[in-house]
Protein backbone atom coordinates (compact mmCIF):
# COMPACT_ATOMS: atom_id res chain seq x y z
CA MET A 1 -47.32 15.93 17.06
CA LYS A 2 -47.61 15.72 13.37
CA SER A 3 -43.53 15.54 13.28
CA TYR A 4 -43.75 12.83 15.74
CA LYS A 5 -45.65 10.53 13.05
CA TYR A 6 -43.11 11.99 10.60
CA PHE A 7 -39.95 10.42 11.92
CA VAL A 8 -41.57 7.36 13.35
CA ALA A 9 -42.60 6.85 9.57
CA VAL A 10 -39.36 7.67 8.02
CA GLY A 11 -37.65 5.35 11.11
CA PHE A 12 -39.61 2.29 9.64
CA SER A 13 -39.19 3.23 6.08
CA LEU A 14 -35.37 2.75 6.87
CA LEU A 15 -35.45 -0.33 8.80
CA PRO A 16 -34.64 -2.56 5.92
CA LEU A 17 -31.49 -0.51 5.70
CA LEU A 18 -30.18 -2.37 8.94
CA VAL A 19 -30.87 -5.65 7.36
CA ALA A 20 -28.82 -4.95 4.04
CA ALA A 21 -25.52 -3.66 6.02
CA GLN A 22 -24.39 -7.25 6.10
CA GLY A 23 -24.14 -6.86 2.58
CA VAL A 24 -22.19 -3.81 2.73
CA ILE A 25 -19.82 -5.31 5.04
CA SER A 26 -19.27 -8.19 2.96
CA GLN A 27 -18.47 -5.18 -0.07
CA ALA A 28 -15.92 -3.35 2.19
CA GLN A 29 -14.01 -6.78 3.11
CA ASN A 30 -14.15 -7.29 -0.98
CA ILE A 31 -12.48 -4.26 -1.20
CA VAL A 32 -10.23 -4.70 1.14
CA THR A 33 -8.84 -7.97 -0.40
CA GLY A 34 -8.95 -6.87 -3.42
CA LEU A 35 -6.21 -3.89 -2.78
CA GLN A 36 -4.41 -6.44 -0.31
CA THR A 37 -3.89 -8.62 -3.64
CA ILE A 38 -2.87 -5.71 -5.74
CA VAL A 39 -0.65 -4.36 -2.90
CA ASN A 40 1.18 -8.08 -2.57
CA LEU A 41 1.81 -7.94 -6.23
CA VAL A 42 3.05 -4.05 -6.55
CA PHE A 43 5.81 -3.71 -3.54
CA PRO A 44 7.73 -6.65 -4.64
CA LEU A 45 7.84 -4.88 -8.10
CA LEU A 46 8.72 -1.42 -5.96
CA ILE A 47 11.37 -3.02 -4.22
CA GLY A 48 13.16 -4.64 -7.28
CA VAL A 49 13.11 -1.48 -9.27
CA ALA A 50 14.89 0.24 -5.77
CA ALA A 51 17.34 -2.42 -5.88
CA ILE A 52 18.02 -2.14 -9.53
CA VAL A 53 18.57 1.41 -9.55
CA PHE A 54 20.76 1.05 -6.17
CA VAL A 55 23.15 -1.49 -8.31
CA TRP A 56 23.24 0.90 -11.31
CA GLY A 57 24.13 3.72 -9.20
CA VAL A 58 27.04 1.81 -7.39
CA ILE A 59 27.99 0.77 -10.86
CA LYS A 60 27.92 4.30 -11.78
CA TYR A 61 29.46 5.13 -8.94
CA ILE A 62 32.68 2.86 -9.02
CA MET A 63 33.23 3.22 -13.16
CA ALA A 64 33.32 7.14 -12.65
CA ALA A 65 36.82 7.33 -11.10
CA GLY A 66 37.95 10.15 -12.53
CA ASP A 67 34.71 11.86 -13.36
CA GLU A 68 33.65 14.05 -10.08
CA LYS A 69 29.95 14.59 -11.62
CA ALA A 70 29.38 10.94 -12.80
CA ARG A 71 30.26 9.91 -9.37
CA LYS A 72 28.16 12.74 -7.77
CA ASP A 73 25.12 11.42 -9.95
CA GLY A 74 25.95 7.68 -9.19
CA ARG A 75 26.09 8.83 -5.38
CA TRP A 76 22.49 10.49 -5.87
CA MET A 77 20.91 7.18 -7.36
CA ILE A 78 22.36 5.35 -4.33
CA ILE A 79 21.08 7.60 -1.67
CA TRP A 80 17.65 8.18 -3.45
CA SER A 81 17.09 4.63 -3.97
CA LEU A 82 17.79 3.91 -0.14
CA VAL A 83 15.49 6.75 0.42
CA GLY A 84 12.77 5.21 -1.92
CA LEU A 85 13.35 1.78 -0.59
CA ALA A 86 12.64 3.05 3.25
CA VAL A 87 9.11 5.02 2.18
CA ILE A 88 8.14 1.25 0.05
CA LEU A 89 9.03 -0.90 3.25
CA GLY A 90 7.49 1.78 5.52
CA MET A 91 4.11 2.15 3.09
CA ALA A 92 4.54 -1.89 3.70
CA GLY A 93 4.77 -1.86 6.91
CA LEU A 94 1.50 0.64 7.32
CA VAL A 95 -0.65 -1.26 5.21
CA ASN A 96 -0.30 -4.50 7.09
CA LEU A 97 -0.99 -2.78 10.00
CA LEU A 98 -4.01 -0.96 8.24
CA LEU A 99 -4.94 -4.68 7.37
CA SER A 100 -4.47 -6.23 10.90
CA THR A 101 -6.37 -3.14 12.67
CA VAL A 102 -9.51 -3.63 10.23
CA GLY A 103 -9.27 -7.15 10.91
CA GLN A 104 -7.88 -9.08 7.62
CA THR A 105 -4.93 -11.37 8.25
CA GLY A 106 -2.70 -13.10 6.16
CA GLY A 107 -1.19 -9.64 5.09
CA GLY A 108 2.28 -11.28 6.50
CA SER A 109 5.35 -10.22 4.95
CA ILE A 110 5.80 -9.05 1.66
CA PRO A 111 6.56 -11.69 -0.94
CA ARG A 112 10.23 -11.77 -2.43
CA PRO A 113 10.54 -11.35 -6.10
CA THR A 114 11.85 -14.25 -8.23
CA ILE A 115 12.81 -14.92 -11.32
């Protein structure tokens, strides 16, 4: 009987935490919104870097007409930039999927890099 009273007392003392749960949800939404802002800033930058590496690899591949090693380096730059681009776009899709799962809207598409 004594333990029953203990559990009731602890249960009533934890009731204010249920009221404070609304603030926790609001904080979680603020964190998700902050992460979404960071992602929307970083993904276009990464896509731009992958595009620059791709173009640099193509230029290196074309300019090294007689040098087999330089052509191989250019080919690897092209391949790895495409792999990186696929990973970046896959991560963007995953982030948008997760944001839509937790109820955040407006993730939309990745903004285009502008000059």
